[in-house]
Amino acid sequence: MNTKELTIRRAKTGDSASLSSLAGQLGYPTQNSEIEERLSALNEYKGHVVFVAVLSVVGIVGWIHLMPRQLLYMPRMAEIGGLVVNADHCRKGVGRALINAAERWAKEQGYSSIVVRSNTARNASHAFYRGIGYRDMKTQNVYIKELNGQQTLAR
């Protein structure tokens, strides 16, 4: 892939079909209408941003969502809520380009750091993050209780 063909820009609601397809590749199948609704809401929240990677001849091949994380006991930071690159375009610089855009944006917003959570089964993701300077912070379990009686997240 020629990186000159790659553009990183903010996601628009018209991108929902591509974002939905990529969410499915990440393991979170989501309807286009749900993505469109959520993206509209995220665009209203301060501190949230979704960037897309666009290849000129292919279209959207990846996205990253950043959100604010403010804890009582730690400085304000940005958290990667999701990062996905189309399987056909992995290991070609798309993920790194999305991370670079995210890091620039986070610095501009005054965040002290970026944190990312990665499922223990995603070994390729772990190697990717370590390879670009992210360090292991801790291992933890994540628990969820469904409040509406319906499964809302992939397991």
Protein backbone atom coordinates (compact mmCIF):
# COMPACT_ATOMS: atom_id res chain seq x y z
CA MET A 1 0.00 0.00 0.00
CA ASN A 2 1.22 3.44 -0.88
CA THR A 3 0.73 5.63 2.22
CA LYS A 4 0.09 8.60 -0.09
CA GLU A 5 -3.21 6.92 -0.93
CA LEU A 6 -4.22 6.87 2.76
CA THR A 7 -6.12 9.73 4.39
CA ILE A 8 -7.12 10.01 8.03
CA ARG A 9 -10.21 12.12 8.74
CA ARG A 10 -13.02 12.41 11.27
CA ALA A 11 -15.86 9.96 10.79
CA LYS A 12 -19.18 11.23 9.42
CA THR A 13 -22.63 9.70 9.87
CA GLY A 14 -22.57 8.76 6.19
CA ASP A 15 -19.72 6.38 7.03
CA SER A 16 -21.97 4.11 9.09
CA ALA A 17 -22.04 1.14 6.66
CA SER A 18 -18.24 0.91 6.60
CA LEU A 19 -17.94 1.48 10.36
CA SER A 20 -20.55 -1.20 10.99
CA SER A 21 -18.78 -3.72 8.76
CA LEU A 22 -15.48 -3.09 10.53
CA ALA A 23 -17.13 -3.36 13.96
CA GLY A 24 -18.26 -6.81 12.88
CA GLN A 25 -14.67 -7.73 12.01
CA LEU A 26 -13.67 -6.58 15.48
CA GLY A 27 -16.20 -9.03 16.91
CA TYR A 28 -19.03 -6.60 17.63
CA PRO A 29 -21.68 -6.96 14.92
CA THR A 30 -23.69 -3.75 14.83
CA GLN A 31 -26.44 -2.47 12.55
CA ASN A 32 -25.68 0.54 10.35
CA SER A 33 -28.50 2.49 12.00
CA GLU A 34 -27.03 1.85 15.47
CA ILE A 35 -23.60 3.05 14.35
CA GLU A 36 -25.12 6.16 12.79
CA GLU A 37 -27.08 6.95 15.95
CA ARG A 38 -24.08 6.35 18.23
CA LEU A 39 -21.70 8.33 16.03
CA SER A 40 -24.11 11.28 16.06
CA ALA A 41 -24.23 11.11 19.86
CA LEU A 42 -20.44 10.79 20.18
CA ASN A 43 -19.97 13.86 18.02
CA GLU A 44 -21.94 15.79 20.66
CA TYR A 45 -19.84 14.56 23.61
CA LYS A 46 -16.81 16.60 24.53
CA GLY A 47 -13.60 14.61 24.37
CA HIS A 48 -14.80 11.90 21.97
CA VAL A 49 -13.52 11.52 18.43
CA VAL A 50 -13.71 8.82 15.77
CA PHE A 51 -11.16 8.86 12.98
CA VAL A 52 -11.35 6.77 9.82
CA ALA A 53 -8.58 5.62 7.51
CA VAL A 54 -9.57 6.01 3.88
CA LEU A 55 -7.75 4.46 0.93
CA SER A 56 -8.44 6.44 -2.23
CA VAL A 57 -9.37 3.42 -4.37
CA VAL A 58 -11.01 1.27 -1.67
CA GLY A 59 -12.76 3.54 0.83
CA ILE A 60 -12.72 3.21 4.62
CA VAL A 61 -10.32 0.50 5.79
CA GLY A 62 -10.11 1.27 9.51
CA TRP A 63 -11.34 3.37 12.39
CA ILE A 64 -10.32 4.41 15.89
CA HIS A 65 -12.51 5.84 18.66
CA LEU A 66 -11.00 7.89 21.48
CA MET A 67 -12.84 8.92 24.61
CA PRO A 68 -12.04 10.74 27.83
CA ARG A 69 -11.00 8.81 30.91
CA GLN A 70 -10.94 10.73 34.16
CA LEU A 71 -10.34 8.79 37.36
CA LEU A 72 -10.19 10.21 40.85
CA TYR A 73 -6.72 8.80 41.43
CA MET A 74 -5.06 9.40 38.03
CA PRO A 75 -4.49 12.31 35.66
CA ARG A 76 -6.95 12.81 32.81
CA MET A 77 -6.18 10.58 29.83
CA ALA A 78 -7.67 9.47 26.55
CA GLU A 79 -8.80 5.89 26.11
CA ILE A 80 -9.00 4.00 22.86
CA GLY A 81 -12.54 2.68 22.79
CA GLY A 82 -11.89 0.70 19.65
CA LEU A 83 -9.39 0.30 16.85
CA VAL A 84 -9.99 -1.91 13.84
CA VAL A 85 -8.35 -2.30 10.45
CA ASN A 86 -9.94 -4.30 7.65
CA ALA A 87 -8.36 -7.77 7.61
CA ASP A 88 -7.25 -7.24 3.98
CA HIS A 89 -5.23 -4.18 5.01
CA CYS A 90 -3.59 -5.30 8.27
CA ARG A 91 0.16 -4.89 8.64
CA LYS A 92 0.30 -2.20 5.97
CA GLY A 93 0.57 0.91 8.17
CA VAL A 94 -3.13 1.71 8.55
CA GLY A 95 -3.27 1.00 12.29
CA ARG A 96 -0.11 2.99 12.91
CA ALA A 97 -1.53 5.93 10.91
CA LEU A 98 -4.72 5.84 13.00
CA ILE A 99 -2.72 5.70 16.24
CA ASN A 100 -0.53 8.62 15.09
CA ALA A 101 -3.62 10.72 14.38
CA ALA A 102 -5.10 9.72 17.74
CA GLU A 103 -1.93 10.64 19.63
CA ARG A 104 -1.70 14.04 17.91
CA TRP A 105 -5.34 14.73 18.72
CA ALA A 106 -4.95 13.62 22.35
CA LYS A 107 -1.96 15.94 22.83
CA GLU A 108 -3.92 18.84 21.33
CA GLN A 109 -6.75 18.12 23.78
CA GLY A 110 -4.37 18.20 26.75
CA TYR A 111 -4.56 14.51 27.63
CA SER A 112 -1.58 13.22 29.62
CA SER A 113 -1.57 9.75 28.07
CA ILE A 114 -3.55 7.21 26.09
CA VAL A 115 -4.72 3.92 27.54
CA VAL A 116 -6.04 0.95 25.60
CA ARG A 117 -7.63 -2.29 26.74
CA SER A 118 -7.12 -5.37 24.63
CA ASN A 119 -8.79 -8.76 24.98
CA THR A 120 -6.31 -11.40 26.13
CA ALA A 121 -7.14 -13.43 23.01
CA ARG A 122 -5.95 -10.66 20.66
CA ASN A 123 -2.26 -11.57 20.53
CA ALA A 124 -1.61 -9.66 17.30
CA SER A 125 -3.01 -6.51 18.92
CA HIS A 126 -0.74 -6.93 21.94
CA ALA A 127 2.32 -7.19 19.70
CA PHE A 128 1.16 -4.15 17.69
CA TYR A 129 0.74 -1.92 20.75
CA ARG A 130 4.03 -3.02 22.31
CA GLY A 131 5.77 -2.44 18.98
CA ILE A 132 4.68 1.20 18.86
CA GLY A 133 5.71 2.04 22.41
CA TYR A 134 2.71 1.11 24.56
CA ARG A 135 3.57 -0.82 27.72
CA ASP A 136 1.61 -3.33 29.73
CA MET A 137 0.03 -1.60 32.69
CA LYS A 138 -1.92 -4.43 34.32
CA THR A 139 -4.02 -7.50 33.75
CA GLN A 140 -7.60 -7.41 34.92
CA ASN A 141 -10.98 -9.04 34.60
CA VAL A 142 -13.86 -7.03 33.17
CA TYR A 143 -17.36 -7.71 34.45
CA ILE A 144 -20.67 -6.65 33.01
CA LYS A 145 -24.23 -6.87 34.27
CA GLU A 146 -26.93 -6.49 31.65
CA LEU A 147 -29.56 -4.11 32.98
CA ASN A 148 -32.17 -4.65 30.30
CA GLY A 149 -32.01 -8.45 30.19
CA GLN A 150 -30.47 -8.49 26.70
CA GLN A 151 -26.93 -9.29 25.74
CA THR A 152 -25.39 -6.02 24.52
CA LEU A 153 -21.76 -7.02 24.03
CA ALA A 154 -20.03 -9.84 22.21
CA ARG A 155 -18.46 -12.35 24.51
